[in-house]
Amino acid sequence: MDEQTRIQAEAAAFRRLQKHLMEDRKDVQNIDMMNLAGFCRNCLSRWYQEAANDLGVAMDKAQGREAFYGMPYAEWKDKYQSEASAETQEAFKLAFAENVGKPKD
């Protein structure tokens, strides 16, 4: 596979993951994704923002989230995010307590 085709395939896979999370699995909460996989929609939006910045495109956190979520993040939260249970919040704290202060990928 040549370099351009690889880039196109990776971009298509990213778009499919984004579509799946934003259209097919709105029910899956970010905290549940973090507890299970160690990343969530916010991570993906930050990685998108960082990639844009690396390519010379000025994009802040809010713009990265809006680009990924397809709407302002506050609107997404109002429409689709529910309050995490105490158990889910505790699992998050335990899972990520050891990573506090470590650099992010």
PDB file of N, CA and C in Angstrom:
ATOM      1  N   MET A   1       0.861  -1.178   0.000  1.00  0.00           N
ATOM      2  CA  MET A   1       0.000   0.000   0.000  1.00  0.00           C
ATOM      3  C   MET A   1       0.903   1.235   0.000  1.00  0.00           C
ATOM      4  N   ASP A   2       0.626   2.159  -0.900  1.00  0.00           N
ATOM      5  CA  ASP A   2       1.443   3.370  -0.930  1.00  0.00           C
ATOM      6  C   ASP A   2       1.006   4.315   0.197  1.00  0.00           C
ATOM      7  N   GLU A   3       1.824   5.314   0.446  1.00  0.00           N
ATOM      8  CA  GLU A   3       1.616   6.235   1.576  1.00  0.00           C
ATOM      9  C   GLU A   3       0.282   6.981   1.486  1.00  0.00           C
ATOM     10  N   GLN A   4      -0.065   7.487   0.325  1.00  0.00           N
ATOM     11  CA  GLN A   4      -1.320   8.238   0.169  1.00  0.00           C
ATOM     12  C   GLN A   4      -2.532   7.341   0.418  1.00  0.00           C
ATOM     13  N   THR A   5      -2.488   6.121  -0.064  1.00  0.00           N
ATOM     14  CA  THR A   5      -3.595   5.179   0.147  1.00  0.00           C
ATOM     15  C   THR A   5      -3.712   4.829   1.626  1.00  0.00           C
ATOM     16  N   ARG A   6      -2.578   4.646   2.296  1.00  0.00           N
ATOM     17  CA  ARG A   6      -2.588   4.358   3.731  1.00  0.00           C
ATOM     18  C   ARG A   6      -3.230   5.509   4.499  1.00  0.00           C
ATOM     19  N   ILE A   7      -2.856   6.739   4.168  1.00  0.00           N
ATOM     20  CA  ILE A   7      -3.431   7.916   4.830  1.00  0.00           C
ATOM     21  C   ILE A   7      -4.938   7.979   4.597  1.00  0.00           C
ATOM     22  N   GLN A   8      -5.353   7.703   3.374  1.00  0.00           N
ATOM     23  CA  GLN A   8      -6.789   7.731   3.058  1.00  0.00           C
ATOM     24  C   GLN A   8      -7.544   6.640   3.819  1.00  0.00           C
ATOM     25  N   ALA A   9      -6.947   5.454   3.932  1.00  0.00           N
ATOM     26  CA  ALA A   9      -7.584   4.361   4.666  1.00  0.00           C
ATOM     27  C   ALA A   9      -7.683   4.694   6.155  1.00  0.00           C
ATOM     28  N   GLU A  10      -6.618   5.270   6.718  1.00  0.00           N
ATOM     29  CA  GLU A  10      -6.659   5.668   8.126  1.00  0.00           C
ATOM     30  C   GLU A  10      -7.711   6.743   8.370  1.00  0.00           C
ATOM     31  N   ALA A  11      -7.795   7.716   7.484  1.00  0.00           N
ATOM     32  CA  ALA A  11      -8.797   8.780   7.621  1.00  0.00           C
ATOM     33  C   ALA A  11     -10.207   8.204   7.522  1.00  0.00           C
ATOM     34  N   ALA A  12     -10.412   7.263   6.609  1.00  0.00           N
ATOM     35  CA  ALA A  12     -11.733   6.640   6.462  1.00  0.00           C
ATOM     36  C   ALA A  12     -12.092   5.841   7.718  1.00  0.00           C
ATOM     37  N   ALA A  13     -11.117   5.152   8.295  1.00  0.00           N
ATOM     38  CA  ALA A  13     -11.374   4.392   9.523  1.00  0.00           C
ATOM     39  C   ALA A  13     -11.727   5.335  10.674  1.00  0.00           C
ATOM     40  N   PHE A  14     -11.029   6.458  10.770  1.00  0.00           N
ATOM     41  CA  PHE A  14     -11.342   7.462  11.799  1.00  0.00           C
ATOM     42  C   PHE A  14     -12.759   7.982  11.608  1.00  0.00           C
ATOM     43  N   ARG A  15     -13.112   8.327  10.376  1.00  0.00           N
ATOM     44  CA  ARG A  15     -14.462   8.846  10.113  1.00  0.00           C
ATOM     45  C   ARG A  15     -15.525   7.807  10.449  1.00  0.00           C
ATOM     46  N   ARG A  16     -15.240   6.553  10.182  1.00  0.00           N
ATOM     47  CA  ARG A  16     -16.210   5.499  10.514  1.00  0.00           C
ATOM     48  C   ARG A  16     -16.347   5.351  12.021  1.00  0.00           C
ATOM     49  N   LEU A  17     -15.254   5.396  12.756  1.00  0.00           N
ATOM     50  CA  LEU A  17     -15.317   5.346  14.220  1.00  0.00           C
ATOM     51  C   LEU A  17     -16.102   6.532  14.750  1.00  0.00           C
ATOM     52  N   GLN A  18     -15.820   7.705  14.242  1.00  0.00           N
ATOM     53  CA  GLN A  18     -16.537   8.910  14.657  1.00  0.00           C
ATOM     54  C   GLN A  18     -18.033   8.768  14.388  1.00  0.00           C
ATOM     55  N   LYS A  19     -18.405   8.340  13.209  1.00  0.00           N
ATOM     56  CA  LYS A  19     -19.815   8.160  12.850  1.00  0.00           C
ATOM     57  C   LYS A  19     -20.472   7.133  13.765  1.00  0.00           C
ATOM     58  N   HIS A  20     -19.787   6.046  14.016  1.00  0.00           N
ATOM     59  CA  HIS A  20     -20.330   5.000  14.887  1.00  0.00           C
ATOM     60  C   HIS A  20     -20.617   5.551  16.284  1.00  0.00           C
ATOM     61  N   LEU A  21     -19.663   6.300  16.838  1.00  0.00           N
ATOM     62  CA  LEU A  21     -19.843   6.857  18.185  1.00  0.00           C
ATOM     63  C   LEU A  21     -20.892   7.956  18.225  1.00  0.00           C
ATOM     64  N   MET A  22     -20.984   8.739  17.160  1.00  0.00           N
ATOM     65  CA  MET A  22     -21.873   9.892  17.170  1.00  0.00           C
ATOM     66  C   MET A  22     -23.285   9.566  16.701  1.00  0.00           C
ATOM     67  N   GLU A  23     -23.445   8.540  15.887  1.00  0.00           N
ATOM     68  CA  GLU A  23     -24.772   8.214  15.362  1.00  0.00           C
ATOM     69  C   GLU A  23     -25.334   6.914  15.921  1.00  0.00           C
ATOM     70  N   ASP A  24     -24.501   5.884  15.966  1.00  0.00           N
ATOM     71  CA  ASP A  24     -24.987   4.562  16.347  1.00  0.00           C
ATOM     72  C   ASP A  24     -24.922   4.292  17.848  1.00  0.00           C
ATOM     73  N   ARG A  25     -23.975   4.925  18.548  1.00  0.00           N
ATOM     74  CA  ARG A  25     -23.775   4.605  19.965  1.00  0.00           C
ATOM     75  C   ARG A  25     -23.752   5.853  20.847  1.00  0.00           C
ATOM     76  N   LYS A  26     -24.724   6.715  20.639  1.00  0.00           N
ATOM     77  CA  LYS A  26     -24.865   7.890  21.499  1.00  0.00           C
ATOM     78  C   LYS A  26     -25.124   7.482  22.936  1.00  0.00           C
ATOM     79  N   ASP A  27     -25.636   6.266  23.118  1.00  0.00           N
ATOM     80  CA  ASP A  27     -25.977   5.769  24.448  1.00  0.00           C
ATOM     81  C   ASP A  27     -24.749   5.473  25.301  1.00  0.00           C
ATOM     82  N   VAL A  28     -23.610   5.251  24.666  1.00  0.00           N
ATOM     83  CA  VAL A  28     -22.391   4.930  25.409  1.00  0.00           C
ATOM     84  C   VAL A  28     -21.796   6.225  25.955  1.00  0.00           C
ATOM     85  N   GLN A  29     -21.661   6.289  27.254  1.00  0.00           N
ATOM     86  CA  GLN A  29     -21.164   7.485  27.922  1.00  0.00           C
ATOM     87  C   GLN A  29     -19.639   7.542  27.846  1.00  0.00           C
ATOM     88  N   ASN A  30     -19.098   8.754  27.810  1.00  0.00           N
ATOM     89  CA  ASN A  30     -17.644   8.930  27.756  1.00  0.00           C
ATOM     90  C   ASN A  30     -16.950   8.263  28.935  1.00  0.00           C
ATOM     91  N   ILE A  31     -17.504   8.374  30.127  1.00  0.00           N
ATOM     92  CA  ILE A  31     -16.853   7.787  31.303  1.00  0.00           C
ATOM     93  C   ILE A  31     -16.809   6.263  31.189  1.00  0.00           C
ATOM     94  N   ASP A  32     -17.841   5.672  30.576  1.00  0.00           N
ATOM     95  CA  ASP A  32     -17.833   4.222  30.368  1.00  0.00           C
ATOM     96  C   ASP A  32     -16.739   3.835  29.375  1.00  0.00           C
ATOM     97  N   MET A  33     -16.583   4.640  28.327  1.00  0.00           N
ATOM     98  CA  MET A  33     -15.513   4.395  27.359  1.00  0.00           C
ATOM     99  C   MET A  33     -14.146   4.509  28.036  1.00  0.00           C
ATOM    100  N   MET A  34     -13.991   5.526  28.867  1.00  0.00           N
ATOM    101  CA  MET A  34     -12.717   5.709  29.572  1.00  0.00           C
ATOM    102  C   MET A  34     -12.422   4.517  30.472  1.00  0.00           C
ATOM    103  N   ASN A  35     -13.427   4.067  31.206  1.00  0.00           N
ATOM    104  CA  ASN A  35     -13.225   2.943  32.122  1.00  0.00           C
ATOM    105  C   ASN A  35     -12.880   1.664  31.373  1.00  0.00           C
ATOM    106  N   LEU A  36     -13.468   1.468  30.212  1.00  0.00           N
ATOM    107  CA  LEU A  36     -13.252   0.244  29.455  1.00  0.00           C
ATOM    108  C   LEU A  36     -12.026   0.314  28.548  1.00  0.00           C
ATOM    109  N   ALA A  37     -11.893   1.427  27.821  1.00  0.00           N
ATOM    110  CA  ALA A  37     -10.874   1.495  26.767  1.00  0.00           C
ATOM    111  C   ALA A  37      -9.733   2.470  27.049  1.00  0.00           C
ATOM    112  N   GLY A  38      -9.916   3.356  28.027  1.00  0.00           N
ATOM    113  CA  GLY A  38      -8.857   4.317  28.339  1.00  0.00           C
ATOM    114  C   GLY A  38      -8.870   5.549  27.457  1.00  0.00           C
ATOM    115  N   PHE A  39      -9.905   5.697  26.636  1.00  0.00           N
ATOM    116  CA  PHE A  39     -10.085   6.905  25.830  1.00  0.00           C
ATOM    117  C   PHE A  39     -11.577   7.089  25.592  1.00  0.00           C
ATOM    118  N   CYS A  40     -11.947   8.306  25.155  1.00  0.00           N
ATOM    119  CA  CYS A  40     -13.357   8.597  24.906  1.00  0.00           C
ATOM    120  C   CYS A  40     -13.474   9.596  23.755  1.00  0.00           C
ATOM    121  N   ARG A  41     -14.664  10.080  23.524  1.00  0.00           N
ATOM    122  CA  ARG A  41     -14.888  11.061  22.467  1.00  0.00           C
ATOM    123  C   ARG A  41     -14.057  12.317  22.692  1.00  0.00           C
ATOM    124  N   ASN A  42     -13.929  12.742  23.942  1.00  0.00           N
ATOM    125  CA  ASN A  42     -13.124  13.934  24.236  1.00  0.00           C
ATOM    126  C   ASN A  42     -11.663  13.709  23.877  1.00  0.00           C
ATOM    127  N   CYS A  43     -11.157  12.518  24.128  1.00  0.00           N
ATOM    128  CA  CYS A  43      -9.782  12.197  23.746  1.00  0.00           C
ATOM    129  C   CYS A  43      -9.637  12.271  22.230  1.00  0.00           C
ATOM    130  N   LEU A  44     -10.579  11.672  21.518  1.00  0.00           N
ATOM    131  CA  LEU A  44     -10.537  11.709  20.059  1.00  0.00           C
ATOM    132  C   LEU A  44     -10.591  13.139  19.541  1.00  0.00           C
ATOM    133  N   SER A  45     -11.421  13.972  20.169  1.00  0.00           N
ATOM    134  CA  SER A  45     -11.501  15.364  19.719  1.00  0.00           C
ATOM    135  C   SER A  45     -10.195  16.103  20.013  1.00  0.00           C
ATOM    136  N   ARG A  46      -9.555  15.777  21.131  1.00  0.00           N
ATOM    137  CA  ARG A  46      -8.270  16.408  21.459  1.00  0.00           C
ATOM    138  C   ARG A  46      -7.188  15.941  20.488  1.00  0.00           C
ATOM    139  N   TRP A  47      -7.175  14.670  20.150  1.00  0.00           N
ATOM    140  CA  TRP A  47      -6.198  14.164  19.188  1.00  0.00           C
ATOM    141  C   TRP A  47      -6.403  14.804  17.820  1.00  0.00           C
ATOM    142  N   TYR A  48      -7.661  15.018  17.452  1.00  0.00           N
ATOM    143  CA  TYR A  48      -7.981  15.696  16.199  1.00  0.00           C
ATOM    144  C   TYR A  48      -7.446  17.128  16.227  1.00  0.00           C
ATOM    145  N   GLN A  49      -7.705  17.821  17.324  1.00  0.00           N
ATOM    146  CA  GLN A  49      -7.222  19.198  17.493  1.00  0.00           C
ATOM    147  C   GLN A  49      -5.698  19.248  17.418  1.00  0.00           C
ATOM    148  N   GLU A  50      -5.042  18.346  18.130  1.00  0.00           N
ATOM    149  CA  GLU A  50      -3.579  18.330  18.134  1.00  0.00           C
ATOM    150  C   GLU A  50      -3.024  18.039  16.741  1.00  0.00           C
ATOM    151  N   ALA A  51      -3.660  17.132  16.008  1.00  0.00           N
ATOM    152  CA  ALA A  51      -3.219  16.829  14.645  1.00  0.00           C
ATOM    153  C   ALA A  51      -3.394  18.049  13.746  1.00  0.00           C
ATOM    154  N   ALA A  52      -4.514  18.745  13.894  1.00  0.00           N
ATOM    155  CA  ALA A  52      -4.736  19.967  13.117  1.00  0.00           C
ATOM    156  C   ALA A  52      -3.662  21.001  13.442  1.00  0.00           C
ATOM    157  N   ASN A  53      -3.377  21.180  14.734  1.00  0.00           N
ATOM    158  CA  ASN A  53      -2.340  22.127  15.142  1.00  0.00           C
ATOM    159  C   ASN A  53      -0.981  21.741  14.550  1.00  0.00           C
ATOM    160  N   ASP A  54      -0.670  20.439  14.572  1.00  0.00           N
ATOM    161  CA  ASP A  54       0.602  19.967  14.013  1.00  0.00           C
ATOM    162  C   ASP A  54       0.699  20.250  12.509  1.00  0.00           C
ATOM    163  N   LEU A  55      -0.455  20.319  11.851  1.00  0.00           N
ATOM    164  CA  LEU A  55      -0.484  20.606  10.413  1.00  0.00           C
ATOM    165  C   LEU A  55      -0.580  22.098  10.122  1.00  0.00           C
ATOM    166  N   GLY A  56      -0.478  22.920  11.183  1.00  0.00           N
ATOM    167  CA  GLY A  56      -0.484  24.360  11.010  1.00  0.00           C
ATOM    168  C   GLY A  56      -1.860  24.999  11.028  1.00  0.00           C
ATOM    169  N   VAL A  57      -2.880  24.233  11.415  1.00  0.00           N
ATOM    170  CA  VAL A  57      -4.241  24.759  11.500  1.00  0.00           C
ATOM    171  C   VAL A  57      -4.495  25.184  12.942  1.00  0.00           C
ATOM    172  N   ALA A  58      -4.814  26.448  13.136  1.00  0.00           N
ATOM    173  CA  ALA A  58      -5.104  26.941  14.478  1.00  0.00           C
ATOM    174  C   ALA A  58      -6.474  26.415  14.903  1.00  0.00           C
ATOM    175  N   MET A  59      -6.488  25.617  15.964  1.00  0.00           N
ATOM    176  CA  MET A  59      -7.737  25.047  16.464  1.00  0.00           C
ATOM    177  C   MET A  59      -7.595  24.902  17.969  1.00  0.00           C
ATOM    178  N   ASP A  60      -8.558  25.444  18.719  1.00  0.00           N
ATOM    179  CA  ASP A  60      -8.512  25.294  20.169  1.00  0.00           C
ATOM    180  C   ASP A  60      -9.364  24.099  20.594  1.00  0.00           C
ATOM    181  N   LYS A  61      -9.392  23.845  21.880  1.00  0.00           N
ATOM    182  CA  LYS A  61     -10.100  22.688  22.432  1.00  0.00           C
ATOM    183  C   LYS A  61     -11.578  22.700  22.051  1.00  0.00           C
ATOM    184  N   ALA A  62     -12.237  23.837  22.190  1.00  0.00           N
ATOM    185  CA  ALA A  62     -13.661  23.934  21.872  1.00  0.00           C
ATOM    186  C   ALA A  62     -13.906  23.676  20.390  1.00  0.00           C
ATOM    187  N   GLN A  63     -13.045  24.195  19.541  1.00  0.00           N
ATOM    188  CA  GLN A  63     -13.191  23.973  18.101  1.00  0.00           C
ATOM    189  C   GLN A  63     -12.953  22.504  17.744  1.00  0.00           C
ATOM    190  N   GLY A  64     -11.986  21.882  18.399  1.00  0.00           N
ATOM    191  CA  GLY A  64     -11.725  20.456  18.168  1.00  0.00           C
ATOM    192  C   GLY A  64     -12.915  19.605  18.572  1.00  0.00           C
ATOM    193  N   ARG A  65     -13.500  19.942  19.727  1.00  0.00           N
ATOM    194  CA  ARG A  65     -14.681  19.192  20.170  1.00  0.00           C
ATOM    195  C   ARG A  65     -15.851  19.389  19.217  1.00  0.00           C
ATOM    196  N   GLU A  66     -16.069  20.621  18.778  1.00  0.00           N
ATOM    197  CA  GLU A  66     -17.181  20.878  17.863  1.00  0.00           C
ATOM    198  C   GLU A  66     -16.965  20.158  16.531  1.00  0.00           C
ATOM    199  N   ALA A  67     -15.724  20.114  16.068  1.00  0.00           N
ATOM    200  CA  ALA A  67     -15.425  19.406  14.826  1.00  0.00           C
ATOM    201  C   ALA A  67     -15.715  17.915  14.985  1.00  0.00           C
ATOM    202  N   PHE A  68     -15.363  17.348  16.133  1.00  0.00           N
ATOM    203  CA  PHE A  68     -15.585  15.915  16.342  1.00  0.00           C
ATOM    204  C   PHE A  68     -17.052  15.601  16.631  1.00  0.00           C
ATOM    205  N   TYR A  69     -17.664  16.361  17.540  1.00  0.00           N
ATOM    206  CA  TYR A  69     -19.039  16.092  17.956  1.00  0.00           C
ATOM    207  C   TYR A  69     -20.072  16.543  16.920  1.00  0.00           C
ATOM    208  N   GLY A  70     -19.681  17.444  16.021  1.00  0.00           N
ATOM    209  CA  GLY A  70     -20.620  17.943  15.036  1.00  0.00           C
ATOM    210  C   GLY A  70     -21.573  18.985  15.598  1.00  0.00           C
ATOM    211  N   MET A  71     -21.271  19.474  16.767  1.00  0.00           N
ATOM    212  CA  MET A  71     -22.071  20.492  17.453  1.00  0.00           C
ATOM    213  C   MET A  71     -21.248  20.965  18.645  1.00  0.00           C
ATOM    214  N   PRO A  72     -21.603  22.097  19.227  1.00  0.00           N
ATOM    215  CA  PRO A  72     -20.887  22.517  20.434  1.00  0.00           C
ATOM    216  C   PRO A  72     -20.992  21.443  21.522  1.00  0.00           C
ATOM    217  N   TYR A  73     -19.923  21.267  22.263  1.00  0.00           N
ATOM    218  CA  TYR A  73     -19.866  20.213  23.274  1.00  0.00           C
ATOM    219  C   TYR A  73     -20.976  20.364  24.313  1.00  0.00           C
ATOM    220  N   ALA A  74     -21.292  21.588  24.709  1.00  0.00           N
ATOM    221  CA  ALA A  74     -22.351  21.809  25.689  1.00  0.00           C
ATOM    222  C   ALA A  74     -23.689  21.274  25.174  1.00  0.00           C
ATOM    223  N   GLU A  75     -23.922  21.448  23.882  1.00  0.00           N
ATOM    224  CA  GLU A  75     -25.158  20.934  23.286  1.00  0.00           C
ATOM    225  C   GLU A  75     -25.187  19.407  23.322  1.00  0.00           C
ATOM    226  N   TRP A  76     -24.047  18.781  22.985  1.00  0.00           N
ATOM    227  CA  TRP A  76     -23.945  17.313  23.045  1.00  0.00           C
ATOM    228  C   TRP A  76     -24.243  16.824  24.465  1.00  0.00           C
ATOM    229  N   LYS A  77     -23.612  17.462  25.447  1.00  0.00           N
ATOM    230  CA  LYS A  77     -23.818  17.048  26.836  1.00  0.00           C
ATOM    231  C   LYS A  77     -25.288  17.145  27.226  1.00  0.00           C
ATOM    232  N   ASP A  78     -25.930  18.236  26.867  1.00  0.00           N
ATOM    233  CA  ASP A  78     -27.348  18.422  27.200  1.00  0.00           C
ATOM    234  C   ASP A  78     -28.224  17.357  26.557  1.00  0.00           C
ATOM    235  N   LYS A  79     -27.900  16.984  25.333  1.00  0.00           N
ATOM    236  CA  LYS A  79     -28.731  16.033  24.601  1.00  0.00           C
ATOM    237  C   LYS A  79     -28.476  14.577  24.981  1.00  0.00           C
ATOM    238  N   TYR A  80     -27.217  14.220  25.221  1.00  0.00           N
ATOM    239  CA  TYR A  80     -26.867  12.804  25.276  1.00  0.00           C
ATOM    240  C   TYR A  80     -26.145  12.333  26.534  1.00  0.00           C
ATOM    241  N   GLN A  81     -25.587  13.214  27.313  1.00  0.00           N
ATOM    242  CA  GLN A  81     -24.803  12.768  28.461  1.00  0.00           C
ATOM    243  C   GLN A  81     -25.673  12.674  29.701  1.00  0.00           C
ATOM    244  N   SER A  82     -25.542  11.558  30.390  1.00  0.00           N
ATOM    245  CA  SER A  82     -26.278  11.377  31.633  1.00  0.00           C
ATOM    246  C   SER A  82     -25.294  11.382  32.807  1.00  0.00           C
ATOM    247  N   GLU A  83     -25.840  11.531  33.987  1.00  0.00           N
ATOM    248  CA  GLU A  83     -25.011  11.543  35.201  1.00  0.00           C
ATOM    249  C   GLU A  83     -24.462  10.130  35.425  1.00  0.00           C
ATOM    250  N   ALA A  84     -23.174  10.048  35.649  1.00  0.00           N
ATOM    251  CA  ALA A  84     -22.548   8.750  35.916  1.00  0.00           C
ATOM    252  C   ALA A  84     -22.892   8.304  37.331  1.00  0.00           C
ATOM    253  N   SER A  85     -23.071   7.007  37.481  1.00  0.00           N
ATOM    254  CA  SER A  85     -23.361   6.455  38.805  1.00  0.00           C
ATOM    255  C   SER A  85     -22.144   6.605  39.710  1.00  0.00           C
ATOM    256  N   ALA A  86     -22.373   6.508  40.995  1.00  0.00           N
ATOM    257  CA  ALA A  86     -21.277   6.585  41.967  1.00  0.00           C
ATOM    258  C   ALA A  86     -20.257   5.481  41.700  1.00  0.00           C
ATOM    259  N   GLU A  87     -20.736   4.299  41.328  1.00  0.00           N
ATOM    260  CA  GLU A  87     -19.844   3.172  41.055  1.00  0.00           C
ATOM    261  C   GLU A  87     -18.970   3.448  39.827  1.00  0.00           C
ATOM    262  N   THR A  88     -19.575   4.023  38.800  1.00  0.00           N
ATOM    263  CA  THR A  88     -18.830   4.347  37.579  1.00  0.00           C
ATOM    264  C   THR A  88     -17.786   5.420  37.864  1.00  0.00           C
ATOM    265  N   GLN A  89     -18.155   6.419  38.643  1.00  0.00           N
ATOM    266  CA  GLN A  89     -17.209   7.479  38.999  1.00  0.00           C
ATOM    267  C   GLN A  89     -16.062   6.933  39.836  1.00  0.00           C
ATOM    268  N   GLU A  90     -16.359   6.031  40.753  1.00  0.00           N
ATOM    269  CA  GLU A  90     -15.310   5.433  41.588  1.00  0.00           C
ATOM    270  C   GLU A  90     -14.380   4.574  40.735  1.00  0.00           C
ATOM    271  N   ALA A  91     -14.932   3.807  39.800  1.00  0.00           N
ATOM    272  CA  ALA A  91     -14.106   2.997  38.904  1.00  0.00           C
ATOM    273  C   ALA A  91     -13.167   3.881  38.092  1.00  0.00           C
ATOM    274  N   PHE A  92     -13.674   5.029  37.644  1.00  0.00           N
ATOM    275  CA  PHE A  92     -12.854   5.973  36.896  1.00  0.00           C
ATOM    276  C   PHE A  92     -11.708   6.479  37.772  1.00  0.00           C
ATOM    277  N   LYS A  93     -12.019   6.882  38.993  1.00  0.00           N
ATOM    278  CA  LYS A  93     -10.986   7.388  39.902  1.00  0.00           C
ATOM    279  C   LYS A  93      -9.914   6.338  40.146  1.00  0.00           C
ATOM    280  N   LEU A  94     -10.324   5.110  40.375  1.00  0.00           N
ATOM    281  CA  LEU A  94      -9.361   4.037  40.638  1.00  0.00           C
ATOM    282  C   LEU A  94      -8.525   3.721  39.404  1.00  0.00           C
ATOM    283  N   ALA A  95      -9.162   3.686  38.251  1.00  0.00           N
ATOM    284  CA  ALA A  95      -8.451   3.327  37.020  1.00  0.00           C
ATOM    285  C   ALA A  95      -7.415   4.363  36.630  1.00  0.00           C
ATOM    286  N   PHE A  96      -7.694   5.631  36.923  1.00  0.00           N
ATOM    287  CA  PHE A  96      -6.818   6.685  36.438  1.00  0.00           C
ATOM    288  C   PHE A  96      -6.002   7.364  37.524  1.00  0.00           C
ATOM    289  N   ALA A  97      -6.154   6.941  38.763  1.00  0.00           N
ATOM    290  CA  ALA A  97      -5.383   7.534  39.863  1.00  0.00           C
ATOM    291  C   ALA A  97      -3.882   7.333  39.643  1.00  0.00           C
ATOM    292  N   GLU A  98      -3.503   6.182  39.109  1.00  0.00           N
ATOM    293  CA  GLU A  98      -2.087   5.908  38.897  1.00  0.00           C
ATOM    294  C   GLU A  98      -1.492   6.717  37.755  1.00  0.00           C
ATOM    295  N   ASN A  99      -2.327   7.286  36.901  1.00  0.00           N
ATOM    296  CA  ASN A  99      -1.855   8.061  35.761  1.00  0.00           C
ATOM    297  C   ASN A  99      -1.803   9.565  36.028  1.00  0.00           C
ATOM    298  N   VAL A 100      -2.222   9.995  37.203  1.00  0.00           N
ATOM    299  CA  VAL A 100      -2.225  11.423  37.514  1.00  0.00           C
ATOM    300  C   VAL A 100      -0.789  11.949  37.453  1.00  0.00           C
ATOM    301  N   GLY A 101      -0.618  13.018  36.716  1.00  0.00           N
ATOM    302  CA  GLY A 101       0.697  13.642  36.601  1.00  0.00           C
ATOM    303  C   GLY A 101       1.562  13.089  35.482  1.00  0.00           C
ATOM    304  N   LYS A 102       1.110  12.008  34.845  1.00  0.00           N
ATOM    305  CA  LYS A 102       1.875  11.442  33.741  1.00  0.00           C
ATOM    306  C   LYS A 102       1.497  12.162  32.448  1.00  0.00           C
ATOM    307  N   PRO A 103       2.439  12.274  31.517  1.00  0.00           N
ATOM    308  CA  PRO A 103       2.120  12.949  30.260  1.00  0.00           C
ATOM    309  C   PRO A 103       1.056  12.195  29.489  1.00  0.00           C
ATOM    310  N   LYS A 104       0.190  12.941  28.766  1.00  0.00           N
ATOM    311  CA  LYS A 104      -0.837  12.330  27.938  1.00  0.00           C
ATOM    312  C   LYS A 104      -0.235  11.963  26.597  1.00  0.00           C
ATOM    313  N   ASP A 105      -0.819  10.930  25.977  1.00  0.00           N
ATOM    314  CA  ASP A 105      -0.373  10.522  24.630  1.00  0.00           C
ATOM    315  C   ASP A 105      -0.780  11.564  23.617  1.00  0.00           C
TER     316      ASP A 105
END
